[in-house]
Amino acid sequence: MSDETPQAGDLLVRIGAIVFLIGAVATLATVAPLFVGAEPLPSVFYWVCMLMGAGFLIAGAGVLRSVAAQRRQARSSTA
């Protein structure tokens, strides 16, 4: 465990990373049959692959939220 206090966008970044990893695993599972010569997976797996992009966007939103909170904090400490 870390002693750091959670920042504003930390939860979004963690959720985004998990969603991204789920999408990455789905992408690997979808592409693997093409190299092995097996039957392609159902189209649902192709939709799950889109979680990679969604996770990236969620994590990006968390980073932007953290940046905004740090800017507010810096502005209030100088004023």
PDB file of N, CA and C in Angstrom:
ATOM      1  N   MET A   1       0.842  -1.178   0.000  1.00  0.00           N
ATOM      2  CA  MET A   1       0.000   0.000   0.000  1.00  0.00           C
ATOM      3  C   MET A   1       0.884   1.237   0.000  1.00  0.00           C
ATOM      4  N   SER A   2       0.391   2.261  -0.609  1.00  0.00           N
ATOM      5  CA  SER A   2       1.140   3.506  -0.636  1.00  0.00           C
ATOM      6  C   SER A   2       0.514   4.490   0.346  1.00  0.00           C
ATOM      7  N   ASP A   3       1.314   5.418   0.801  1.00  0.00           N
ATOM      8  CA  ASP A   3       0.842   6.410   1.766  1.00  0.00           C
ATOM      9  C   ASP A   3       0.314   7.662   1.086  1.00  0.00           C
ATOM     10  N   GLU A   4       0.328   7.685  -0.250  1.00  0.00           N
ATOM     11  CA  GLU A   4      -0.126   8.860  -0.973  1.00  0.00           C
ATOM     12  C   GLU A   4      -1.642   8.985  -0.880  1.00  0.00           C
ATOM     13  N   THR A   5      -2.100  10.230  -0.821  1.00  0.00           N
ATOM     14  CA  THR A   5      -3.539  10.464  -0.845  1.00  0.00           C
ATOM     15  C   THR A   5      -4.010  10.380  -2.297  1.00  0.00           C
ATOM     16  N   PRO A   6      -5.168   9.796  -2.538  1.00  0.00           N
ATOM     17  CA  PRO A   6      -5.648   9.684  -3.914  1.00  0.00           C
ATOM     18  C   PRO A   6      -5.957  11.056  -4.507  1.00  0.00           C
ATOM     19  N   GLN A   7      -5.546  11.251  -5.728  1.00  0.00           N
ATOM     20  CA  GLN A   7      -5.790  12.513  -6.426  1.00  0.00           C
ATOM     21  C   GLN A   7      -7.141  12.462  -7.130  1.00  0.00           C
ATOM     22  N   ALA A   8      -7.502  13.554  -7.774  1.00  0.00           N
ATOM     23  CA  ALA A   8      -8.837  13.693  -8.358  1.00  0.00           C
ATOM     24  C   ALA A   8      -9.126  12.664  -9.449  1.00  0.00           C
ATOM     25  N   GLY A   9      -8.189  12.380 -10.345  1.00  0.00           N
ATOM     26  CA  GLY A   9      -8.467  11.501 -11.467  1.00  0.00           C
ATOM     27  C   GLY A   9      -7.899  10.110 -11.346  1.00  0.00           C
ATOM     28  N   ASP A  10      -7.401   9.740 -10.177  1.00  0.00           N
ATOM     29  CA  ASP A  10      -6.750   8.437 -10.016  1.00  0.00           C
ATOM     30  C   ASP A  10      -7.683   7.267 -10.301  1.00  0.00           C
ATOM     31  N   LEU A  11      -8.906   7.345  -9.834  1.00  0.00           N
ATOM     32  CA  LEU A  11      -9.843   6.245 -10.038  1.00  0.00           C
ATOM     33  C   LEU A  11     -10.165   6.069 -11.525  1.00  0.00           C
ATOM     34  N   LEU A  12     -10.333   7.190 -12.233  1.00  0.00           N
ATOM     35  CA  LEU A  12     -10.599   7.097 -13.670  1.00  0.00           C
ATOM     36  C   LEU A  12      -9.426   6.483 -14.415  1.00  0.00           C
ATOM     37  N   VAL A  13      -8.213   6.818 -14.019  1.00  0.00           N
ATOM     38  CA  VAL A  13      -7.036   6.251 -14.678  1.00  0.00           C
ATOM     39  C   VAL A  13      -6.971   4.747 -14.425  1.00  0.00           C
ATOM     40  N   ARG A  14      -7.246   4.323 -13.217  1.00  0.00           N
ATOM     41  CA  ARG A  14      -7.224   2.884 -12.911  1.00  0.00           C
ATOM     42  C   ARG A  14      -8.309   2.133 -13.667  1.00  0.00           C
ATOM     43  N   ILE A  15      -9.517   2.681 -13.693  1.00  0.00           N
ATOM     44  CA  ILE A  15     -10.605   2.040 -14.424  1.00  0.00           C
ATOM     45  C   ILE A  15     -10.270   1.996 -15.917  1.00  0.00           C
ATOM     46  N   GLY A  16      -9.723   3.083 -16.435  1.00  0.00           N
ATOM     47  CA  GLY A  16      -9.337   3.121 -17.843  1.00  0.00           C
ATOM     48  C   GLY A  16      -8.283   2.090 -18.172  1.00  0.00           C
ATOM     49  N   ALA A  17      -7.325   1.888 -17.273  1.00  0.00           N
ATOM     50  CA  ALA A  17      -6.288   0.887 -17.508  1.00  0.00           C
ATOM     51  C   ALA A  17      -6.872  -0.524 -17.527  1.00  0.00           C
ATOM     52  N   ILE A  18      -7.810  -0.791 -16.636  1.00  0.00           N
ATOM     53  CA  ILE A  18      -8.436  -2.117 -16.600  1.00  0.00           C
ATOM     54  C   ILE A  18      -9.254  -2.362 -17.864  1.00  0.00           C
ATOM     55  N   VAL A  19     -10.032  -1.364 -18.281  1.00  0.00           N
ATOM     56  CA  VAL A  19     -10.836  -1.499 -19.498  1.00  0.00           C
ATOM     57  C   VAL A  19      -9.923  -1.666 -20.707  1.00  0.00           C
ATOM     58  N   PHE A  20      -8.822  -0.925 -20.748  1.00  0.00           N
ATOM     59  CA  PHE A  20      -7.858  -1.044 -21.843  1.00  0.00           C
ATOM     60  C   PHE A  20      -7.270  -2.451 -21.897  1.00  0.00           C
ATOM     61  N   LEU A  21      -6.906  -2.995 -20.744  1.00  0.00           N
ATOM     62  CA  LEU A  21      -6.330  -4.339 -20.720  1.00  0.00           C
ATOM     63  C   LEU A  21      -7.333  -5.398 -21.166  1.00  0.00           C
ATOM     64  N   ILE A  22      -8.598  -5.244 -20.791  1.00  0.00           N
ATOM     65  CA  ILE A  22      -9.627  -6.172 -21.257  1.00  0.00           C
ATOM     66  C   ILE A  22      -9.738  -6.108 -22.783  1.00  0.00           C
ATOM     67  N   GLY A  23      -9.708  -4.907 -23.324  1.00  0.00           N
ATOM     68  CA  GLY A  23      -9.751  -4.744 -24.775  1.00  0.00           C
ATOM     69  C   GLY A  23      -8.522  -5.302 -25.460  1.00  0.00           C
ATOM     70  N   ALA A  24      -7.350  -5.155 -24.821  1.00  0.00           N
ATOM     71  CA  ALA A  24      -6.121  -5.689 -25.407  1.00  0.00           C
ATOM     72  C   ALA A  24      -6.139  -7.209 -25.441  1.00  0.00           C
ATOM     73  N   VAL A  25      -6.625  -7.822 -24.378  1.00  0.00           N
ATOM     74  CA  VAL A  25      -6.725  -9.288 -24.356  1.00  0.00           C
ATOM     75  C   VAL A  25      -7.728  -9.758 -25.411  1.00  0.00           C
ATOM     76  N   ALA A  26      -8.826  -9.047 -25.550  1.00  0.00           N
ATOM     77  CA  ALA A  26      -9.810  -9.408 -26.577  1.00  0.00           C
ATOM     78  C   ALA A  26      -9.224  -9.250 -27.970  1.00  0.00           C
ATOM     79  N   THR A  27      -8.400  -8.241 -28.165  1.00  0.00           N
ATOM     80  CA  THR A  27      -7.758  -8.053 -29.463  1.00  0.00           C
ATOM     81  C   THR A  27      -6.808  -9.198 -29.768  1.00  0.00           C
ATOM     82  N   LEU A  28      -6.021  -9.599 -28.787  1.00  0.00           N
ATOM     83  CA  LEU A  28      -5.119 -10.736 -28.992  1.00  0.00           C
ATOM     84  C   LEU A  28      -5.895 -12.018 -29.273  1.00  0.00           C
ATOM     85  N   ALA A  29      -6.991 -12.209 -28.559  1.00  0.00           N
ATOM     86  CA  ALA A  29      -7.801 -13.409 -28.772  1.00  0.00           C
ATOM     87  C   ALA A  29      -8.484 -13.384 -30.135  1.00  0.00           C
ATOM     88  N   THR A  30      -8.792 -12.209 -30.636  1.00  0.00           N
ATOM     89  CA  THR A  30      -9.455 -12.092 -31.932  1.00  0.00           C
ATOM     90  C   THR A  30      -8.477 -12.285 -33.085  1.00  0.00           C
ATOM     91  N   VAL A  31      -7.266 -11.814 -32.920  1.00  0.00           N
ATOM     92  CA  VAL A  31      -6.273 -11.891 -33.986  1.00  0.00           C
ATOM     93  C   VAL A  31      -5.590 -13.260 -34.023  1.00  0.00           C
ATOM     94  N   ALA A  32      -5.477 -13.931 -32.898  1.00  0.00           N
ATOM     95  CA  ALA A  32      -4.760 -15.209 -32.826  1.00  0.00           C
ATOM     96  C   ALA A  32      -5.291 -16.264 -33.800  1.00  0.00           C
ATOM     97  N   PRO A  33      -6.611 -16.452 -33.946  1.00  0.00           N
ATOM     98  CA  PRO A  33      -7.077 -17.470 -34.900  1.00  0.00           C
ATOM     99  C   PRO A  33      -6.679 -17.180 -36.347  1.00  0.00           C
ATOM    100  N   LEU A  34      -6.466 -15.931 -36.669  1.00  0.00           N
ATOM    101  CA  LEU A  34      -6.056 -15.593 -38.026  1.00  0.00           C
ATOM    102  C   LEU A  34      -4.652 -16.110 -38.323  1.00  0.00           C
ATOM    103  N   PHE A  35      -3.775 -16.113 -37.328  1.00  0.00           N
ATOM    104  CA  PHE A  35      -2.412 -16.601 -37.512  1.00  0.00           C
ATOM    105  C   PHE A  35      -2.326 -18.116 -37.414  1.00  0.00           C
ATOM    106  N   VAL A  36      -3.197 -18.702 -36.621  1.00  0.00           N
ATOM    107  CA  VAL A  36      -3.163 -20.144 -36.397  1.00  0.00           C
ATOM    108  C   VAL A  36      -3.904 -20.887 -37.514  1.00  0.00           C
ATOM    109  N   GLY A  37      -4.811 -20.214 -38.190  1.00  0.00           N
ATOM    110  CA  GLY A  37      -5.587 -20.838 -39.242  1.00  0.00           C
ATOM    111  C   GLY A  37      -6.880 -21.448 -38.740  1.00  0.00           C
ATOM    112  N   ALA A  38      -7.306 -21.085 -37.540  1.00  0.00           N
ATOM    113  CA  ALA A  38      -8.548 -21.611 -36.965  1.00  0.00           C
ATOM    114  C   ALA A  38      -9.732 -20.755 -37.425  1.00  0.00           C
ATOM    115  N   GLU A  39     -10.900 -21.170 -37.015  1.00  0.00           N
ATOM    116  CA  GLU A  39     -12.109 -20.413 -37.333  1.00  0.00           C
ATOM    117  C   GLU A  39     -12.079 -19.068 -36.615  1.00  0.00           C
ATOM    118  N   PRO A  40     -12.502 -18.002 -37.281  1.00  0.00           N
ATOM    119  CA  PRO A  40     -12.560 -16.701 -36.607  1.00  0.00           C
ATOM    120  C   PRO A  40     -13.576 -16.710 -35.473  1.00  0.00           C
ATOM    121  N   LEU A  41     -13.334 -15.892 -34.487  1.00  0.00           N
ATOM    122  CA  LEU A  41     -14.242 -15.785 -33.355  1.00  0.00           C
ATOM    123  C   LEU A  41     -15.512 -15.039 -33.763  1.00  0.00           C
ATOM    124  N   PRO A  42     -16.585 -15.178 -32.991  1.00  0.00           N
ATOM    125  CA  PRO A  42     -17.828 -14.451 -33.303  1.00  0.00           C
ATOM    126  C   PRO A  42     -17.615 -12.935 -33.272  1.00  0.00           C
ATOM    127  N   SER A  43     -18.510 -12.241 -33.921  1.00  0.00           N
ATOM    128  CA  SER A  43     -18.358 -10.789 -34.063  1.00  0.00           C
ATOM    129  C   SER A  43     -18.427 -10.054 -32.732  1.00  0.00           C
ATOM    130  N   VAL A  44     -18.955 -10.680 -31.692  1.00  0.00           N
ATOM    131  CA  VAL A  44     -19.010 -10.035 -30.376  1.00  0.00           C
ATOM    132  C   VAL A  44     -17.597  -9.697 -29.892  1.00  0.00           C
ATOM    133  N   PHE A  45     -16.637 -10.566 -30.195  1.00  0.00           N
ATOM    134  CA  PHE A  45     -15.269 -10.320 -29.768  1.00  0.00           C
ATOM    135  C   PHE A  45     -14.681  -9.081 -30.438  1.00  0.00           C
ATOM    136  N   TYR A  46     -15.098  -8.821 -31.672  1.00  0.00           N
ATOM    137  CA  TYR A  46     -14.621  -7.621 -32.352  1.00  0.00           C
ATOM    138  C   TYR A  46     -15.152  -6.362 -31.666  1.00  0.00           C
ATOM    139  N   TRP A  47     -16.365  -6.443 -31.134  1.00  0.00           N
ATOM    140  CA  TRP A  47     -16.922  -5.314 -30.402  1.00  0.00           C
ATOM    141  C   TRP A  47     -16.210  -5.127 -29.063  1.00  0.00           C
ATOM    142  N   VAL A  48     -15.830  -6.230 -28.429  1.00  0.00           N
ATOM    143  CA  VAL A  48     -15.120  -6.135 -27.147  1.00  0.00           C
ATOM    144  C   VAL A  48     -13.737  -5.502 -27.364  1.00  0.00           C
ATOM    145  N   CYS A  49     -13.170  -5.685 -28.547  1.00  0.00           N
ATOM    146  CA  CYS A  49     -11.873  -5.072 -28.856  1.00  0.00           C
ATOM    147  C   CYS A  49     -11.925  -3.551 -28.760  1.00  0.00           C
ATOM    148  N   MET A  50     -13.096  -2.993 -28.980  1.00  0.00           N
ATOM    149  CA  MET A  50     -13.240  -1.540 -28.922  1.00  0.00           C
ATOM    150  C   MET A  50     -13.086  -1.002 -27.504  1.00  0.00           C
ATOM    151  N   LEU A  51     -13.082  -1.883 -26.526  1.00  0.00           N
ATOM    152  CA  LEU A  51     -12.845  -1.432 -25.153  1.00  0.00           C
ATOM    153  C   LEU A  51     -11.441  -0.866 -24.998  1.00  0.00           C
ATOM    154  N   MET A  52     -10.526  -1.258 -25.878  1.00  0.00           N
ATOM    155  CA  MET A  52      -9.175  -0.712 -25.816  1.00  0.00           C
ATOM    156  C   MET A  52      -9.209   0.806 -25.979  1.00  0.00           C
ATOM    157  N   GLY A  53      -9.906   1.267 -26.989  1.00  0.00           N
ATOM    158  CA  GLY A  53     -10.025   2.704 -27.212  1.00  0.00           C
ATOM    159  C   GLY A  53     -10.812   3.399 -26.118  1.00  0.00           C
ATOM    160  N   ALA A  54     -11.863   2.745 -25.652  1.00  0.00           N
ATOM    161  CA  ALA A  54     -12.669   3.329 -24.579  1.00  0.00           C
ATOM    162  C   ALA A  54     -11.846   3.465 -23.298  1.00  0.00           C
ATOM    163  N   GLY A  55     -11.041   2.456 -22.990  1.00  0.00           N
ATOM    164  CA  GLY A  55     -10.190   2.531 -21.809  1.00  0.00           C
ATOM    165  C   GLY A  55      -9.166   3.642 -21.920  1.00  0.00           C
ATOM    166  N   PHE A  56      -8.636   3.823 -23.127  1.00  0.00           N
ATOM    167  CA  PHE A  56      -7.673   4.908 -23.350  1.00  0.00           C
ATOM    168  C   PHE A  56      -8.340   6.260 -23.111  1.00  0.00           C
ATOM    169  N   LEU A  57      -9.567   6.420 -23.589  1.00  0.00           N
ATOM    170  CA  LEU A  57     -10.282   7.683 -23.383  1.00  0.00           C
ATOM    171  C   LEU A  57     -10.611   7.913 -21.908  1.00  0.00           C
ATOM    172  N   ILE A  58     -11.010   6.862 -21.204  1.00  0.00           N
ATOM    173  CA  ILE A  58     -11.324   6.993 -19.776  1.00  0.00           C
ATOM    174  C   ILE A  58     -10.076   7.400 -18.997  1.00  0.00           C
ATOM    175  N   ALA A  59      -8.951   6.747 -19.289  1.00  0.00           N
ATOM    176  CA  ALA A  59      -7.708   7.093 -18.605  1.00  0.00           C
ATOM    177  C   ALA A  59      -7.278   8.515 -18.941  1.00  0.00           C
ATOM    178  N   GLY A  60      -7.457   8.914 -20.188  1.00  0.00           N
ATOM    179  CA  GLY A  60      -7.134  10.292 -20.579  1.00  0.00           C
ATOM    180  C   GLY A  60      -7.990  11.304 -19.846  1.00  0.00           C
ATOM    181  N   ALA A  61      -9.262  10.986 -19.654  1.00  0.00           N
ATOM    182  CA  ALA A  61     -10.148  11.875 -18.897  1.00  0.00           C
ATOM    183  C   ALA A  61      -9.681  11.983 -17.447  1.00  0.00           C
ATOM    184  N   GLY A  62      -9.194  10.872 -16.889  1.00  0.00           N
ATOM    185  CA  GLY A  62      -8.673  10.911 -15.524  1.00  0.00           C
ATOM    186  C   GLY A  62      -7.438  11.780 -15.409  1.00  0.00           C
ATOM    187  N   VAL A  63      -6.569  11.701 -16.421  1.00  0.00           N
ATOM    188  CA  VAL A  63      -5.364  12.542 -16.416  1.00  0.00           C
ATOM    189  C   VAL A  63      -5.754  14.009 -16.527  1.00  0.00           C
ATOM    190  N   LEU A  64      -6.688  14.329 -17.414  1.00  0.00           N
ATOM    191  CA  LEU A  64      -7.122  15.716 -17.551  1.00  0.00           C
ATOM    192  C   LEU A  64      -7.783  16.229 -16.278  1.00  0.00           C
ATOM    193  N   ARG A  65      -8.537  15.372 -15.613  1.00  0.00           N
ATOM    194  CA  ARG A  65      -9.166  15.772 -14.343  1.00  0.00           C
ATOM    195  C   ARG A  65      -8.103  16.041 -13.280  1.00  0.00           C
ATOM    196  N   SER A  66      -7.069  15.234 -13.253  1.00  0.00           N
ATOM    197  CA  SER A  66      -5.982  15.430 -12.300  1.00  0.00           C
ATOM    198  C   SER A  66      -5.232  16.729 -12.587  1.00  0.00           C
ATOM    199  N   VAL A  67      -5.001  17.001 -13.864  1.00  0.00           N
ATOM    200  CA  VAL A  67      -4.318  18.246 -14.248  1.00  0.00           C
ATOM    201  C   VAL A  67      -5.142  19.449 -13.817  1.00  0.00           C
ATOM    202  N   ALA A  68      -6.449  19.392 -14.054  1.00  0.00           N
ATOM    203  CA  ALA A  68      -7.314  20.512 -13.672  1.00  0.00           C
ATOM    204  C   ALA A  68      -7.304  20.725 -12.158  1.00  0.00           C
ATOM    205  N   ALA A  69      -7.310  19.648 -11.392  1.00  0.00           N
ATOM    206  CA  ALA A  69      -7.295  19.773  -9.935  1.00  0.00           C
ATOM    207  C   ALA A  69      -5.970  20.356  -9.457  1.00  0.00           C
ATOM    208  N   GLN A  70      -4.875  19.958 -10.075  1.00  0.00           N
ATOM    209  CA  GLN A  70      -3.574  20.503  -9.691  1.00  0.00           C
ATOM    210  C   GLN A  70      -3.470  21.973 -10.048  1.00  0.00           C
ATOM    211  N   ARG A  71      -4.045  22.360 -11.179  1.00  0.00           N
ATOM    212  CA  ARG A  71      -4.037  23.785 -11.544  1.00  0.00           C
ATOM    213  C   ARG A  71      -4.842  24.612 -10.556  1.00  0.00           C
ATOM    214  N   ARG A  72      -6.026  24.082 -10.167  1.00  0.00           N
ATOM    215  CA  ARG A  72      -6.841  24.802  -9.179  1.00  0.00           C
ATOM    216  C   ARG A  72      -6.095  24.952  -7.867  1.00  0.00           C
ATOM    217  N   GLN A  73      -5.402  23.893  -7.467  1.00  0.00           N
ATOM    218  CA  GLN A  73      -4.661  23.924  -6.214  1.00  0.00           C
ATOM    219  C   GLN A  73      -3.501  24.908  -6.281  1.00  0.00           C
ATOM    220  N   ALA A  74      -2.807  24.952  -7.405  1.00  0.00           N
ATOM    221  CA  ALA A  74      -1.697  25.890  -7.566  1.00  0.00           C
ATOM    222  C   ALA A  74      -2.205  27.329  -7.590  1.00  0.00           C
ATOM    223  N   ARG A  75      -3.334  27.541  -8.251  1.00  0.00           N
ATOM    224  CA  ARG A  75      -3.898  28.878  -8.315  1.00  0.00           C
ATOM    225  C   ARG A  75      -4.338  29.368  -6.934  1.00  0.00           C
ATOM    226  N   SER A  76      -4.928  28.457  -6.140  1.00  0.00           N
ATOM    227  CA  SER A  76      -5.402  28.880  -4.827  1.00  0.00           C
ATOM    228  C   SER A  76      -4.237  29.088  -3.857  1.00  0.00           C
ATOM    229  N   SER A  77      -3.123  28.401  -4.042  1.00  0.00           N
ATOM    230  CA  SER A  77      -1.995  28.596  -3.131  1.00  0.00           C
ATOM    231  C   SER A  77      -1.232  29.860  -3.432  1.00  0.00           C
ATOM    232  N   THR A  78      -1.268  30.338  -4.696  1.00  0.00           N
ATOM    233  CA  THR A  78      -0.567  31.583  -5.016  1.00  0.00           C
ATOM    234  C   THR A  78      -1.422  32.809  -4.754  1.00  0.00           C
ATOM    235  N   ALA A  79      -2.720  32.653  -4.678  1.00  0.00           N
ATOM    236  CA  ALA A  79      -3.610  33.804  -4.489  1.00  0.00           C
ATOM    237  C   ALA A  79      -3.755  34.181  -3.044  1.00  0.00           C
TER     238      ALA A  79
END
